[in-house]
N, C-alpha and C. Protein backbone atom coordinates (compact mmCIF):
# COMPACT_ATOMS: atom_id res chain seq x y z
N MET A 1 8.03 22.64 9.48
CA MET A 1 8.97 21.58 9.74
C MET A 1 8.37 20.63 10.75
N PRO A 2 8.77 19.41 10.73
CA PRO A 2 8.24 18.47 11.71
C PRO A 2 8.46 18.99 13.13
N ASP A 3 7.63 18.53 14.06
CA ASP A 3 7.70 19.03 15.42
C ASP A 3 8.95 18.54 16.15
N LYS A 4 9.03 18.91 17.42
CA LYS A 4 10.24 18.66 18.21
C LYS A 4 10.63 17.19 18.27
N LYS A 5 9.67 16.30 18.22
CA LYS A 5 10.02 14.88 18.31
C LYS A 5 10.84 14.41 17.11
N GLU A 6 10.88 15.23 16.06
CA GLU A 6 11.68 14.90 14.88
C GLU A 6 13.09 15.47 14.95
N SER A 7 13.50 15.96 16.10
CA SER A 7 14.83 16.52 16.26
C SER A 7 15.88 15.45 16.00
N PRO A 8 17.05 15.83 15.42
CA PRO A 8 18.08 14.84 15.15
C PRO A 8 18.64 14.23 16.43
N LYS A 9 18.45 14.89 17.56
CA LYS A 9 18.94 14.34 18.82
C LYS A 9 17.98 13.28 19.35
N ASN A 10 16.84 13.15 18.75
CA ASN A 10 15.88 12.11 19.12
C ASN A 10 16.54 10.77 18.89
N SER A 11 16.57 9.94 19.91
CA SER A 11 17.29 8.68 19.80
C SER A 11 16.74 7.77 18.69
N MET A 12 15.45 7.89 18.38
CA MET A 12 14.89 7.08 17.30
C MET A 12 15.48 7.49 15.95
N ASN A 13 15.68 8.79 15.74
CA ASN A 13 16.31 9.25 14.50
C ASN A 13 17.74 8.75 14.39
N VAL A 14 18.46 8.83 15.48
CA VAL A 14 19.85 8.36 15.49
C VAL A 14 19.89 6.85 15.21
N LYS A 15 19.01 6.11 15.86
CA LYS A 15 18.96 4.66 15.65
C LYS A 15 18.58 4.34 14.21
N ALA A 16 17.63 5.09 13.66
CA ALA A 16 17.20 4.84 12.28
C ALA A 16 18.35 5.08 11.31
N VAL A 17 19.04 6.21 11.46
CA VAL A 17 20.16 6.52 10.57
C VAL A 17 21.26 5.47 10.72
N ASN A 18 21.55 5.08 11.95
CA ASN A 18 22.57 4.04 12.17
C ASN A 18 22.15 2.72 11.54
N CYS A 19 20.88 2.39 11.65
CA CYS A 19 20.38 1.14 11.07
C CYS A 19 20.49 1.17 9.54
N PHE A 20 20.05 2.28 8.93
CA PHE A 20 20.14 2.39 7.48
C PHE A 20 21.60 2.38 7.02
N TRP A 21 22.47 3.02 7.80
CA TRP A 21 23.89 3.01 7.43
C TRP A 21 24.48 1.61 7.55
N SER A 22 24.03 0.84 8.52
CA SER A 22 24.54 -0.53 8.66
C SER A 22 24.13 -1.39 7.46
N VAL A 23 22.97 -1.09 6.87
CA VAL A 23 22.56 -1.80 5.65
C VAL A 23 23.52 -1.45 4.52
N ILE A 24 23.82 -0.17 4.37
CA ILE A 24 24.73 0.28 3.31
C ILE A 24 26.12 -0.34 3.49
N ALA A 25 26.62 -0.28 4.72
CA ALA A 25 27.97 -0.79 4.99
C ALA A 25 28.03 -2.31 4.96
N GLY A 26 26.93 -2.96 5.31
CA GLY A 26 26.94 -4.40 5.44
C GLY A 26 26.59 -5.20 4.21
N LEU A 27 25.94 -4.56 3.24
CA LEU A 27 25.53 -5.28 2.03
C LEU A 27 26.44 -4.93 0.86
N SER A 28 26.96 -5.92 0.23
CA SER A 28 27.92 -5.74 -0.85
C SER A 28 27.28 -5.10 -2.09
N LYS A 29 28.03 -4.19 -2.70
CA LYS A 29 27.58 -3.60 -3.97
C LYS A 29 27.62 -4.61 -5.10
N ASP A 30 28.37 -5.68 -4.92
CA ASP A 30 28.58 -6.68 -5.97
C ASP A 30 27.42 -7.64 -6.14
N ILE A 31 26.48 -7.63 -5.23
CA ILE A 31 25.34 -8.55 -5.31
C ILE A 31 24.11 -7.75 -5.72
N PRO A 32 23.64 -7.95 -6.96
CA PRO A 32 22.54 -7.14 -7.49
C PRO A 32 21.27 -7.14 -6.66
N SER A 33 20.96 -8.23 -5.99
CA SER A 33 19.73 -8.27 -5.20
C SER A 33 19.78 -7.37 -3.97
N PHE A 34 20.96 -6.89 -3.59
CA PHE A 34 21.10 -5.98 -2.45
C PHE A 34 20.93 -4.52 -2.86
N THR A 35 20.94 -4.24 -4.14
CA THR A 35 20.90 -2.86 -4.64
C THR A 35 19.71 -2.08 -4.09
N ILE A 36 18.55 -2.69 -4.10
CA ILE A 36 17.35 -1.99 -3.64
C ILE A 36 17.46 -1.57 -2.18
N TYR A 37 18.03 -2.43 -1.35
CA TYR A 37 18.17 -2.12 0.07
C TYR A 37 19.18 -1.00 0.30
N ARG A 38 20.28 -1.06 -0.45
CA ARG A 38 21.30 -0.01 -0.32
C ARG A 38 20.75 1.33 -0.80
N ALA A 39 20.12 1.35 -1.96
CA ALA A 39 19.60 2.59 -2.53
C ALA A 39 18.55 3.22 -1.62
N ARG A 40 17.62 2.40 -1.15
CA ARG A 40 16.57 2.94 -0.28
C ARG A 40 17.13 3.40 1.06
N SER A 41 18.18 2.75 1.54
CA SER A 41 18.81 3.20 2.79
C SER A 41 19.44 4.57 2.61
N PHE A 42 20.13 4.79 1.50
CA PHE A 42 20.67 6.12 1.22
C PHE A 42 19.53 7.15 1.20
N ALA A 43 18.44 6.81 0.53
CA ALA A 43 17.31 7.74 0.42
C ALA A 43 16.70 8.04 1.78
N TYR A 44 16.54 7.03 2.60
CA TYR A 44 15.95 7.28 3.92
C TYR A 44 16.89 8.10 4.80
N ILE A 45 18.19 7.89 4.69
CA ILE A 45 19.14 8.71 5.45
C ILE A 45 19.04 10.16 5.01
N GLY A 46 19.05 10.40 3.70
CA GLY A 46 18.92 11.76 3.20
C GLY A 46 17.65 12.42 3.69
N TYR A 47 16.55 11.69 3.62
CA TYR A 47 15.27 12.22 4.07
C TYR A 47 15.31 12.53 5.56
N LYS A 48 15.84 11.63 6.37
CA LYS A 48 15.91 11.85 7.81
C LYS A 48 16.74 13.09 8.14
N LEU A 49 17.86 13.25 7.46
CA LEU A 49 18.73 14.39 7.74
C LEU A 49 18.07 15.71 7.32
N ILE A 50 17.37 15.69 6.21
CA ILE A 50 16.73 16.92 5.72
C ILE A 50 15.48 17.25 6.52
N SER A 51 14.77 16.26 6.97
CA SER A 51 13.49 16.52 7.64
C SER A 51 13.63 16.92 9.11
N THR A 52 14.85 17.03 9.60
CA THR A 52 15.05 17.46 10.98
C THR A 52 15.22 18.97 11.04
N LYS A 53 14.93 19.53 12.19
CA LYS A 53 14.97 20.99 12.37
C LYS A 53 16.38 21.55 12.48
N GLU A 54 17.24 20.87 13.17
CA GLU A 54 18.53 21.43 13.55
C GLU A 54 19.61 21.16 12.51
N ASP A 55 20.63 22.00 12.54
CA ASP A 55 21.77 21.84 11.65
C ASP A 55 22.65 20.71 12.19
N LEU A 56 22.74 19.63 11.46
CA LEU A 56 23.47 18.46 11.94
C LEU A 56 24.98 18.65 11.90
N ASN A 57 25.45 19.66 11.17
CA ASN A 57 26.89 19.88 11.14
C ASN A 57 27.42 20.38 12.48
N THR A 58 26.53 20.96 13.29
CA THR A 58 26.98 21.50 14.58
C THR A 58 26.65 20.56 15.73
N SER A 59 25.86 19.56 15.49
CA SER A 59 25.56 18.59 16.54
C SER A 59 26.25 17.27 16.22
N SER A 60 26.34 16.41 17.19
CA SER A 60 27.08 15.18 16.94
C SER A 60 26.34 13.92 17.39
N PRO A 61 25.08 13.75 17.03
CA PRO A 61 24.42 12.51 17.42
C PRO A 61 24.91 11.31 16.63
N TYR A 62 25.64 11.55 15.54
CA TYR A 62 26.12 10.46 14.69
C TYR A 62 27.61 10.23 14.86
N SER A 63 28.13 10.50 16.07
CA SER A 63 29.57 10.44 16.29
C SER A 63 30.15 9.04 16.05
N SER A 64 29.34 8.00 16.13
CA SER A 64 29.87 6.66 15.88
C SER A 64 30.28 6.49 14.41
N LEU A 65 29.80 7.38 13.54
CA LEU A 65 30.15 7.32 12.13
C LEU A 65 31.14 8.43 11.74
N TYR A 66 31.74 9.04 12.74
CA TYR A 66 32.61 10.19 12.52
C TYR A 66 33.74 9.90 11.53
N ASN A 67 34.28 8.71 11.54
CA ASN A 67 35.43 8.39 10.70
C ASN A 67 35.06 7.91 9.30
N ASP A 68 33.81 7.79 8.98
CA ASP A 68 33.40 7.32 7.66
C ASP A 68 33.27 8.51 6.72
N ASP A 69 34.16 8.58 5.71
CA ASP A 69 34.19 9.73 4.80
C ASP A 69 32.89 9.91 4.02
N GLN A 70 32.32 8.82 3.54
CA GLN A 70 31.09 8.91 2.76
C GLN A 70 29.95 9.44 3.63
N PHE A 71 29.84 8.95 4.84
CA PHE A 71 28.79 9.43 5.73
C PHE A 71 28.99 10.91 6.06
N GLN A 72 30.24 11.32 6.26
CA GLN A 72 30.51 12.73 6.55
C GLN A 72 30.12 13.63 5.37
N ARG A 73 30.33 13.15 4.13
CA ARG A 73 29.91 13.92 2.96
C ARG A 73 28.38 14.06 2.94
N ILE A 74 27.69 12.99 3.30
CA ILE A 74 26.23 13.04 3.34
C ILE A 74 25.75 13.98 4.45
N LEU A 75 26.42 13.96 5.59
CA LEU A 75 26.06 14.86 6.69
C LEU A 75 26.20 16.32 6.27
N LYS A 76 27.27 16.63 5.56
CA LYS A 76 27.51 18.00 5.12
C LYS A 76 26.53 18.43 4.04
N ASN A 77 26.12 17.49 3.19
CA ASN A 77 25.18 17.79 2.11
C ASN A 77 24.19 16.63 1.99
N PRO A 78 23.11 16.67 2.77
CA PRO A 78 22.16 15.55 2.78
C PRO A 78 21.57 15.21 1.41
N LEU A 79 21.49 16.17 0.50
CA LEU A 79 20.98 15.86 -0.84
C LEU A 79 21.91 14.90 -1.59
N SER A 80 23.18 14.84 -1.18
CA SER A 80 24.11 13.91 -1.83
C SER A 80 23.71 12.46 -1.60
N ALA A 81 22.96 12.19 -0.54
CA ALA A 81 22.49 10.82 -0.29
C ALA A 81 21.64 10.33 -1.45
N PHE A 82 20.89 11.24 -2.07
CA PHE A 82 20.04 10.85 -3.19
C PHE A 82 20.85 10.60 -4.46
N LYS A 83 22.00 11.23 -4.56
CA LYS A 83 22.90 10.94 -5.68
C LYS A 83 23.40 9.50 -5.57
N TYR A 84 23.81 9.12 -4.37
CA TYR A 84 24.24 7.74 -4.15
C TYR A 84 23.09 6.76 -4.42
N ALA A 85 21.91 7.12 -3.95
CA ALA A 85 20.74 6.24 -4.12
C ALA A 85 20.39 6.06 -5.58
N THR A 86 20.34 7.16 -6.34
CA THR A 86 19.96 7.05 -7.76
C THR A 86 21.08 6.46 -8.60
N ASP A 87 22.32 6.56 -8.15
CA ASP A 87 23.41 5.88 -8.85
C ASP A 87 23.22 4.37 -8.76
N GLU A 88 22.71 3.90 -7.63
CA GLU A 88 22.50 2.47 -7.44
C GLU A 88 21.19 1.99 -8.06
N LEU A 89 20.14 2.81 -7.97
CA LEU A 89 18.82 2.40 -8.44
C LEU A 89 18.08 3.64 -8.95
N PRO A 90 18.26 3.97 -10.23
CA PRO A 90 17.80 5.26 -10.76
C PRO A 90 16.29 5.53 -10.73
N ASN A 91 15.47 4.57 -10.98
CA ASN A 91 14.04 4.86 -11.13
C ASN A 91 13.18 4.16 -10.08
N ASP A 92 13.70 4.02 -8.90
CA ASP A 92 12.93 3.38 -7.84
C ASP A 92 11.92 4.36 -7.26
N GLU A 93 10.68 3.93 -7.15
CA GLU A 93 9.61 4.79 -6.66
C GLU A 93 9.89 5.34 -5.26
N VAL A 94 10.40 4.51 -4.37
CA VAL A 94 10.66 4.95 -3.00
C VAL A 94 11.78 5.99 -2.96
N VAL A 95 12.85 5.73 -3.69
CA VAL A 95 13.97 6.68 -3.73
C VAL A 95 13.49 8.01 -4.31
N LEU A 96 12.75 7.97 -5.41
CA LEU A 96 12.26 9.20 -6.02
C LEU A 96 11.30 9.94 -5.10
N ASN A 97 10.43 9.21 -4.42
CA ASN A 97 9.48 9.85 -3.51
C ASN A 97 10.19 10.53 -2.34
N ARG A 98 11.17 9.85 -1.74
CA ARG A 98 11.92 10.46 -0.63
C ARG A 98 12.69 11.69 -1.11
N LYS A 99 13.26 11.60 -2.32
CA LYS A 99 14.01 12.75 -2.85
C LYS A 99 13.08 13.92 -3.12
N GLY A 100 11.96 13.65 -3.76
CA GLY A 100 11.01 14.72 -4.05
C GLY A 100 10.47 15.36 -2.78
N THR A 101 10.14 14.55 -1.81
CA THR A 101 9.64 15.08 -0.54
C THR A 101 10.72 15.89 0.17
N SER A 102 11.95 15.43 0.11
CA SER A 102 13.05 16.16 0.73
C SER A 102 13.29 17.50 0.06
N LEU A 103 13.20 17.54 -1.26
CA LEU A 103 13.35 18.81 -1.97
C LEU A 103 12.23 19.78 -1.59
N TRP A 104 11.02 19.25 -1.45
CA TRP A 104 9.91 20.09 -1.04
C TRP A 104 10.15 20.65 0.37
N LEU A 105 10.68 19.80 1.27
CA LEU A 105 11.00 20.26 2.62
C LEU A 105 12.08 21.34 2.59
N MET A 106 13.05 21.18 1.70
CA MET A 106 14.10 22.19 1.55
C MET A 106 13.48 23.52 1.12
N PHE A 107 12.56 23.45 0.18
CA PHE A 107 11.87 24.66 -0.29
C PHE A 107 11.07 25.29 0.85
N LYS A 108 10.31 24.48 1.54
CA LYS A 108 9.36 24.98 2.54
C LYS A 108 10.03 25.46 3.83
N TYR A 109 11.02 24.71 4.32
CA TYR A 109 11.55 25.00 5.64
C TYR A 109 13.00 25.42 5.70
N ARG A 110 13.72 25.26 4.62
CA ARG A 110 15.13 25.67 4.60
C ARG A 110 15.38 26.51 3.36
N PRO A 111 14.86 27.71 3.35
CA PRO A 111 15.01 28.53 2.15
C PRO A 111 16.48 28.68 1.74
N ALA A 112 16.72 28.59 0.45
CA ALA A 112 18.07 28.72 -0.09
C ALA A 112 18.51 30.19 -0.05
N ALA A 113 19.76 30.41 -0.39
CA ALA A 113 20.33 31.76 -0.36
C ALA A 113 19.63 32.69 -1.36
N THR A 114 19.26 32.15 -2.51
CA THR A 114 18.60 32.98 -3.52
C THR A 114 17.22 32.43 -3.83
N GLU A 115 16.38 33.29 -4.34
CA GLU A 115 15.03 32.88 -4.70
C GLU A 115 15.06 31.87 -5.86
N ASP A 116 16.02 32.02 -6.77
CA ASP A 116 16.14 31.06 -7.89
C ASP A 116 16.46 29.65 -7.39
N GLU A 117 17.37 29.57 -6.42
CA GLU A 117 17.70 28.25 -5.86
C GLU A 117 16.48 27.65 -5.16
N ASN A 118 15.77 28.48 -4.42
CA ASN A 118 14.59 28.02 -3.71
C ASN A 118 13.52 27.54 -4.70
N ARG A 119 13.35 28.28 -5.78
CA ARG A 119 12.38 27.89 -6.81
C ARG A 119 12.80 26.57 -7.47
N LYS A 120 14.10 26.38 -7.64
CA LYS A 120 14.59 25.13 -8.23
C LYS A 120 14.25 23.94 -7.34
N TYR A 121 14.36 24.10 -6.01
CA TYR A 121 13.95 23.02 -5.10
C TYR A 121 12.50 22.63 -5.37
N LEU A 122 11.64 23.65 -5.48
CA LEU A 122 10.22 23.38 -5.68
C LEU A 122 9.96 22.73 -7.04
N ASP A 123 10.57 23.27 -8.10
CA ASP A 123 10.38 22.70 -9.44
C ASP A 123 10.89 21.27 -9.52
N ASP A 124 12.07 21.03 -8.95
CA ASP A 124 12.64 19.68 -8.96
C ASP A 124 11.76 18.72 -8.16
N ALA A 125 11.24 19.20 -7.03
CA ALA A 125 10.36 18.35 -6.20
C ALA A 125 9.13 17.94 -7.00
N ALA A 126 8.50 18.90 -7.68
CA ALA A 126 7.30 18.59 -8.46
C ALA A 126 7.60 17.60 -9.57
N GLU A 127 8.71 17.81 -10.26
CA GLU A 127 9.08 16.91 -11.36
C GLU A 127 9.38 15.50 -10.86
N ILE A 128 10.15 15.40 -9.79
CA ILE A 128 10.54 14.09 -9.27
C ILE A 128 9.34 13.35 -8.67
N LEU A 129 8.50 14.06 -7.92
CA LEU A 129 7.33 13.40 -7.34
C LEU A 129 6.36 12.93 -8.43
N SER A 130 6.19 13.74 -9.47
CA SER A 130 5.34 13.33 -10.58
C SER A 130 5.90 12.09 -11.27
N PHE A 131 7.21 12.08 -11.48
CA PHE A 131 7.84 10.93 -12.11
C PHE A 131 7.74 9.68 -11.24
N SER A 132 7.86 9.86 -9.91
CA SER A 132 7.78 8.70 -9.01
C SER A 132 6.42 8.03 -9.10
N ILE A 133 5.38 8.80 -9.32
CA ILE A 133 4.03 8.23 -9.44
C ILE A 133 3.93 7.36 -10.69
N THR A 134 4.61 7.75 -11.76
CA THR A 134 4.54 6.97 -12.99
C THR A 134 5.27 5.64 -12.88
N GLN A 135 6.13 5.51 -11.89
CA GLN A 135 6.89 4.27 -11.72
C GLN A 135 6.02 3.14 -11.20
N ASN A 136 4.97 3.49 -10.49
CA ASN A 136 4.07 2.49 -9.93
C ASN A 136 2.67 3.10 -9.86
N PRO A 137 2.02 3.27 -11.02
CA PRO A 137 0.73 3.95 -11.01
C PRO A 137 -0.32 3.14 -10.25
N PRO A 138 -1.22 3.84 -9.55
CA PRO A 138 -2.28 3.13 -8.83
C PRO A 138 -3.21 2.43 -9.80
N SER A 139 -3.83 1.38 -9.33
CA SER A 139 -4.80 0.65 -10.15
C SER A 139 -6.01 1.54 -10.39
N SER A 140 -6.63 1.37 -11.53
CA SER A 140 -7.83 2.17 -11.82
C SER A 140 -8.98 1.69 -10.94
N PRO A 141 -9.86 2.60 -10.53
CA PRO A 141 -10.99 2.19 -9.68
C PRO A 141 -11.87 1.13 -10.35
N SER A 142 -12.06 1.22 -11.66
CA SER A 142 -12.92 0.23 -12.31
C SER A 142 -12.29 -1.16 -12.23
N ARG A 143 -10.96 -1.24 -12.33
CA ARG A 143 -10.27 -2.52 -12.22
C ARG A 143 -10.44 -3.07 -10.80
N PHE A 144 -10.37 -2.19 -9.80
CA PHE A 144 -10.53 -2.60 -8.42
C PHE A 144 -11.92 -3.19 -8.19
N PHE A 145 -12.95 -2.50 -8.68
CA PHE A 145 -14.31 -3.00 -8.48
C PHE A 145 -14.54 -4.31 -9.22
N ASN A 146 -13.99 -4.45 -10.40
CA ASN A 146 -14.15 -5.70 -11.14
C ASN A 146 -13.50 -6.86 -10.40
N GLN A 147 -12.34 -6.62 -9.78
CA GLN A 147 -11.69 -7.68 -9.02
C GLN A 147 -12.52 -8.07 -7.81
N ASN A 148 -13.09 -7.08 -7.12
CA ASN A 148 -13.90 -7.36 -5.93
C ASN A 148 -15.21 -8.04 -6.27
N GLU A 149 -15.77 -7.74 -7.42
CA GLU A 149 -17.03 -8.38 -7.81
C GLU A 149 -16.85 -9.89 -7.93
N ARG A 150 -15.68 -10.30 -8.35
CA ARG A 150 -15.40 -11.74 -8.49
C ARG A 150 -15.36 -12.44 -7.14
N LEU A 151 -15.06 -11.67 -6.08
CA LEU A 151 -14.97 -12.27 -4.74
C LEU A 151 -16.34 -12.62 -4.18
N PHE A 152 -17.39 -11.96 -4.63
CA PHE A 152 -18.72 -12.16 -4.02
C PHE A 152 -19.57 -13.06 -4.83
């Protein structure tokens, strides 16, 4: 798991989650050009909550959002943030990458109650991360060299 500086009580984590939540709350769902920002904010919140060491249900660094029902659902089940994200933007590379990485972290550092559940985290992580790569494949090395040759 990430080291102590990644604790949810770290003020940078709290500020990041608050900032991402302000994007979600402040940008209208009715404007299509805002979808990417909202979806990625959900994904980053989910990732931040999952990648921390401590159980956030027992700590209260996010007390300013205590009355927001949607945020409370995400706090109780950080994977639900990815449901919101993929509902808004299903095949976004960033959303898929954060989700896959979060599932891998769940497998590695937060073992599930059963071995089958834990294995599902790993299998889902591999599938999602592989799919995220196909959304924006890297350029081929030969294409890169051909482009650079034109520069000289």
